[in-house]
């Protein structure tokens, strides 16, 4: 669980404080451009048909990241208080930044 929470924190830092992902145009395997709960190439298209700038910072993904950090901190509070506080602070920063 700790590794997963650390991955969440790294992801937030990599994407300016909001959970997101960067599509690699040079990948050799196929797949959708948008890999969130709306797995579709058209899910995040502007009304004029253009694609938004990457990384896409999906509402649902940020909500799940916040939940993982917030509730993960509660689960770890009795075992690793220092890490739990760090994760809680990250959840609080995400909520503030997103809102």
N, C-alpha and C. Protein backbone atom coordinates (compact mmCIF):
# COMPACT_ATOMS: atom_id res chain seq x y z
N UNK A 1 0.83 -1.19 0.00
CA UNK A 1 0.00 0.00 0.00
C UNK A 1 0.87 1.25 0.00
N UNK A 2 1.94 1.24 0.76
CA UNK A 2 2.81 2.41 0.85
C UNK A 2 3.40 2.76 -0.52
N UNK A 3 3.80 1.75 -1.27
CA UNK A 3 4.36 2.00 -2.60
C UNK A 3 3.32 2.65 -3.52
N UNK A 4 2.09 2.21 -3.43
CA UNK A 4 1.03 2.80 -4.24
C UNK A 4 0.78 4.25 -3.88
N UNK A 5 0.81 4.56 -2.59
CA UNK A 5 0.62 5.94 -2.14
C UNK A 5 1.79 6.82 -2.56
N UNK A 6 2.99 6.28 -2.50
CA UNK A 6 4.16 7.02 -2.97
C UNK A 6 4.07 7.28 -4.47
N UNK A 7 3.56 6.32 -5.22
CA UNK A 7 3.36 6.52 -6.66
C UNK A 7 2.38 7.67 -6.90
N UNK A 8 1.31 7.74 -6.11
CA UNK A 8 0.34 8.83 -6.22
C UNK A 8 1.02 10.18 -6.00
N UNK A 9 1.86 10.26 -4.98
CA UNK A 9 2.56 11.51 -4.67
C UNK A 9 3.49 11.89 -5.82
N UNK A 10 4.22 10.92 -6.37
CA UNK A 10 5.10 11.21 -7.51
C UNK A 10 4.30 11.69 -8.71
N UNK A 11 3.15 11.06 -8.95
CA UNK A 11 2.31 11.45 -10.07
C UNK A 11 1.85 12.90 -9.91
N UNK A 12 1.47 13.27 -8.70
CA UNK A 12 1.05 14.66 -8.45
C UNK A 12 2.19 15.63 -8.73
N UNK A 13 3.39 15.27 -8.29
CA UNK A 13 4.54 16.14 -8.53
C UNK A 13 4.88 16.23 -10.02
N UNK A 14 4.75 15.12 -10.72
CA UNK A 14 5.05 15.11 -12.15
C UNK A 14 4.07 15.92 -12.98
N UNK A 15 2.87 16.15 -12.45
CA UNK A 15 1.81 16.84 -13.20
C UNK A 15 1.33 18.10 -12.50
N UNK A 16 2.27 18.83 -11.89
CA UNK A 16 1.98 20.14 -11.30
C UNK A 16 0.88 20.12 -10.25
N UNK A 17 0.82 19.10 -9.46
CA UNK A 17 -0.09 19.08 -8.33
C UNK A 17 -1.45 18.45 -8.56
N UNK A 18 -1.74 18.04 -9.77
CA UNK A 18 -2.99 17.34 -10.06
C UNK A 18 -2.65 16.01 -10.71
N UNK A 19 -3.41 14.97 -10.37
CA UNK A 19 -3.16 13.65 -10.94
C UNK A 19 -3.43 13.69 -12.44
N UNK A 20 -2.55 13.11 -13.21
CA UNK A 20 -2.72 13.09 -14.65
C UNK A 20 -1.83 12.03 -15.27
N UNK A 21 -1.81 12.02 -16.56
CA UNK A 21 -0.93 11.12 -17.27
C UNK A 21 -0.50 11.78 -18.56
N UNK A 22 0.66 11.38 -19.06
CA UNK A 22 1.18 11.92 -20.30
C UNK A 22 1.19 10.81 -21.33
N UNK A 23 0.58 11.07 -22.45
CA UNK A 23 0.56 10.11 -23.55
C UNK A 23 1.88 10.19 -24.29
N UNK A 24 2.48 9.05 -24.55
CA UNK A 24 3.74 8.98 -25.28
C UNK A 24 3.44 8.68 -26.75
N UNK A 25 3.60 9.68 -27.64
CA UNK A 25 3.28 9.46 -29.05
C UNK A 25 4.23 8.49 -29.75
N UNK A 26 5.36 8.18 -29.13
CA UNK A 26 6.34 7.28 -29.74
C UNK A 26 6.16 5.81 -29.34
N UNK A 27 5.13 5.52 -28.55
CA UNK A 27 4.95 4.13 -28.12
C UNK A 27 4.64 3.24 -29.32
N UNK A 28 5.04 2.00 -29.21
CA UNK A 28 4.88 1.08 -30.34
C UNK A 28 3.65 0.20 -30.21
N UNK A 29 3.02 0.19 -29.07
CA UNK A 29 1.82 -0.62 -28.87
C UNK A 29 0.60 0.25 -29.07
N UNK A 30 -0.48 -0.37 -29.41
CA UNK A 30 -1.70 0.40 -29.66
C UNK A 30 -2.44 0.65 -28.36
N UNK A 31 -3.43 1.49 -28.42
CA UNK A 31 -4.23 1.79 -27.24
C UNK A 31 -4.88 3.14 -27.39
N UNK A 32 -5.71 3.46 -26.45
CA UNK A 32 -6.43 4.71 -26.48
C UNK A 32 -5.56 5.85 -25.97
N UNK A 33 -5.81 7.04 -26.49
CA UNK A 33 -5.10 8.22 -26.03
C UNK A 33 -5.53 8.57 -24.61
N UNK A 34 -6.83 8.51 -24.36
CA UNK A 34 -7.38 8.84 -23.05
C UNK A 34 -7.60 7.57 -22.25
N UNK A 35 -6.82 7.39 -21.20
CA UNK A 35 -6.94 6.19 -20.39
C UNK A 35 -7.38 6.57 -18.99
N UNK A 36 -8.64 6.91 -18.87
CA UNK A 36 -9.24 7.25 -17.59
C UNK A 36 -10.55 6.50 -17.54
N UNK A 37 -11.48 6.93 -16.75
CA UNK A 37 -12.76 6.24 -16.71
C UNK A 37 -13.52 6.43 -18.01
N UNK A 38 -13.13 7.40 -18.80
CA UNK A 38 -13.74 7.62 -20.12
C UNK A 38 -12.76 7.12 -21.19
N UNK A 39 -12.49 5.85 -21.22
CA UNK A 39 -11.54 5.29 -22.17
C UNK A 39 -12.06 5.43 -23.59
N UNK A 40 -11.76 6.55 -24.19
CA UNK A 40 -12.21 6.82 -25.54
C UNK A 40 -11.33 7.91 -26.13
N UNK A 41 -11.06 7.82 -27.41
CA UNK A 41 -10.26 8.86 -28.06
C UNK A 41 -11.01 10.18 -28.13
N UNK A 42 -12.33 10.15 -28.09
CA UNK A 42 -13.12 11.38 -28.21
C UNK A 42 -13.60 11.94 -26.89
N UNK A 43 -13.31 11.32 -25.79
CA UNK A 43 -13.88 11.72 -24.50
C UNK A 43 -13.47 13.13 -24.08
N UNK A 44 -12.31 13.58 -24.46
CA UNK A 44 -11.83 14.88 -24.02
C UNK A 44 -11.57 15.84 -25.18
N UNK A 45 -12.32 15.69 -26.23
CA UNK A 45 -12.15 16.53 -27.40
C UNK A 45 -12.86 17.88 -27.18
N UNK A 46 -12.22 18.96 -27.64
CA UNK A 46 -12.86 20.27 -27.61
C UNK A 46 -14.02 20.30 -28.60
N UNK A 47 -14.93 21.24 -28.44
CA UNK A 47 -16.10 21.32 -29.33
C UNK A 47 -15.72 21.56 -30.78
N UNK A 48 -14.53 22.13 -31.02
CA UNK A 48 -14.09 22.34 -32.40
C UNK A 48 -13.39 21.13 -33.00
N UNK A 49 -13.32 20.04 -32.24
CA UNK A 49 -12.73 18.79 -32.73
C UNK A 49 -11.26 18.62 -32.43
N UNK A 50 -10.62 19.60 -31.81
CA UNK A 50 -9.20 19.48 -31.47
C UNK A 50 -9.04 18.77 -30.13
N UNK A 51 -7.90 18.17 -29.95
CA UNK A 51 -7.60 17.48 -28.70
C UNK A 51 -6.98 18.47 -27.71
N UNK A 52 -7.26 18.30 -26.42
CA UNK A 52 -6.67 19.18 -25.42
C UNK A 52 -5.19 18.89 -25.23
N UNK A 53 -4.50 19.85 -24.66
CA UNK A 53 -3.09 19.71 -24.34
C UNK A 53 -2.91 18.62 -23.28
N UNK A 54 -1.89 17.82 -23.40
CA UNK A 54 -1.57 16.79 -22.43
C UNK A 54 -0.69 17.39 -21.34
N UNK A 55 -0.68 16.91 -20.13
CA UNK A 55 -1.46 15.77 -19.68
C UNK A 55 -2.90 16.15 -19.34
N UNK A 56 -3.79 15.22 -19.54
CA UNK A 56 -5.19 15.40 -19.16
C UNK A 56 -5.30 15.12 -17.67
N UNK A 57 -5.98 16.00 -16.96
CA UNK A 57 -6.11 15.87 -15.50
C UNK A 57 -7.58 15.65 -15.17
N UNK A 58 -7.97 14.43 -15.29
CA UNK A 58 -9.36 14.00 -15.18
C UNK A 58 -9.91 14.19 -13.75
N UNK A 59 -11.16 14.63 -13.66
CA UNK A 59 -11.82 14.83 -12.36
C UNK A 59 -11.87 13.52 -11.57
N UNK A 60 -12.30 12.46 -12.21
CA UNK A 60 -12.46 11.17 -11.54
C UNK A 60 -11.11 10.65 -11.03
N UNK A 61 -10.09 10.78 -11.84
CA UNK A 61 -8.76 10.31 -11.45
C UNK A 61 -8.26 11.10 -10.23
N UNK A 62 -8.49 12.40 -10.23
CA UNK A 62 -8.08 13.20 -9.08
C UNK A 62 -8.87 12.85 -7.83
N UNK A 63 -10.15 12.57 -8.00
CA UNK A 63 -10.97 12.16 -6.86
C UNK A 63 -10.48 10.84 -6.28
N UNK A 64 -10.16 9.90 -7.13
CA UNK A 64 -9.65 8.61 -6.65
C UNK A 64 -8.28 8.76 -5.99
N UNK A 65 -7.45 9.63 -6.54
CA UNK A 65 -6.14 9.87 -5.94
C UNK A 65 -6.30 10.48 -4.56
N UNK A 66 -7.20 11.45 -4.43
CA UNK A 66 -7.47 12.06 -3.13
C UNK A 66 -7.94 11.00 -2.13
N UNK A 67 -8.88 10.16 -2.57
CA UNK A 67 -9.40 9.10 -1.69
C UNK A 67 -8.29 8.16 -1.24
N UNK A 68 -7.44 7.76 -2.17
CA UNK A 68 -6.35 6.85 -1.83
C UNK A 68 -5.43 7.48 -0.79
N UNK A 69 -5.08 8.73 -1.00
CA UNK A 69 -4.19 9.41 -0.06
C UNK A 69 -4.86 9.63 1.30
N UNK A 70 -6.08 10.10 1.27
CA UNK A 70 -6.79 10.44 2.52
C UNK A 70 -7.07 9.20 3.36
N UNK A 71 -7.62 8.19 2.74
CA UNK A 71 -7.97 6.99 3.49
C UNK A 71 -6.76 6.11 3.75
N UNK A 72 -5.78 6.18 2.86
CA UNK A 72 -4.52 5.49 3.13
C UNK A 72 -3.84 6.04 4.37
N UNK A 73 -3.93 7.37 4.53
CA UNK A 73 -3.32 7.98 5.72
C UNK A 73 -4.02 7.51 7.00
N UNK A 74 -5.32 7.32 6.92
CA UNK A 74 -6.05 6.82 8.10
C UNK A 74 -5.65 5.38 8.43
N UNK A 75 -5.50 4.57 7.40
CA UNK A 75 -5.12 3.18 7.63
C UNK A 75 -3.72 3.05 8.20
N UNK A 76 -2.82 3.93 7.76
CA UNK A 76 -1.43 3.84 8.21
C UNK A 76 -1.14 4.61 9.49
N UNK A 77 -2.10 5.36 9.98
CA UNK A 77 -1.86 6.24 11.13
C UNK A 77 -1.34 5.50 12.36
N UNK A 78 -1.81 4.30 12.60
CA UNK A 78 -1.36 3.58 13.80
C UNK A 78 -0.03 2.85 13.59
N UNK A 79 0.35 2.64 12.33
CA UNK A 79 1.58 1.89 12.04
C UNK A 79 2.77 2.79 11.69
N UNK A 80 2.49 3.88 10.97
CA UNK A 80 3.55 4.78 10.51
C UNK A 80 3.00 6.20 10.51
N UNK A 81 2.97 6.77 11.71
CA UNK A 81 2.34 8.08 11.91
C UNK A 81 2.98 9.17 11.03
N UNK A 82 4.30 9.16 10.91
CA UNK A 82 5.00 10.18 10.13
C UNK A 82 4.60 10.10 8.66
N UNK A 83 4.59 8.91 8.10
CA UNK A 83 4.20 8.75 6.70
C UNK A 83 2.72 9.08 6.52
N UNK A 84 1.90 8.68 7.46
CA UNK A 84 0.46 8.97 7.37
C UNK A 84 0.21 10.48 7.35
N UNK A 85 0.93 11.23 8.15
CA UNK A 85 0.78 12.69 8.15
C UNK A 85 1.23 13.29 6.83
N UNK A 86 2.32 12.77 6.28
CA UNK A 86 2.81 13.26 4.98
C UNK A 86 1.75 13.03 3.90
N UNK A 87 1.17 11.85 3.89
CA UNK A 87 0.16 11.50 2.89
C UNK A 87 -1.10 12.34 3.08
N UNK A 88 -1.49 12.57 4.31
CA UNK A 88 -2.66 13.41 4.58
C UNK A 88 -2.44 14.83 4.06
N UNK A 89 -1.24 15.36 4.29
CA UNK A 89 -0.92 16.70 3.78
C UNK A 89 -1.00 16.75 2.26
N UNK A 90 -0.53 15.69 1.61
CA UNK A 90 -0.62 15.63 0.15
C UNK A 90 -2.07 15.61 -0.32
N UNK A 91 -2.91 14.87 0.41
CA UNK A 91 -4.34 14.83 0.07
C UNK A 91 -4.97 16.21 0.25
N UNK A 92 -4.61 16.89 1.33
CA UNK A 92 -5.15 18.23 1.58
C UNK A 92 -4.70 19.21 0.50
N UNK A 93 -3.43 19.12 0.07
CA UNK A 93 -2.93 20.00 -1.00
C UNK A 93 -3.67 19.73 -2.31
N UNK A 94 -3.90 18.45 -2.61
CA UNK A 94 -4.62 18.10 -3.84
C UNK A 94 -6.03 18.67 -3.81
N UNK A 95 -6.71 18.52 -2.70
CA UNK A 95 -8.09 19.03 -2.59
C UNK A 95 -8.11 20.55 -2.78
N UNK A 96 -7.20 21.23 -2.14
CA UNK A 96 -7.14 22.69 -2.25
C UNK A 96 -6.83 23.11 -3.68
N UNK A 97 -5.86 22.47 -4.28
CA UNK A 97 -5.48 22.82 -5.66
C UNK A 97 -6.61 22.51 -6.64
N UNK A 98 -7.25 21.40 -6.46
CA UNK A 98 -8.32 21.00 -7.40
C UNK A 98 -9.52 21.92 -7.27
N UNK A 99 -9.88 22.27 -6.05
CA UNK A 99 -11.03 23.14 -5.85
C UNK A 99 -10.73 24.56 -6.26
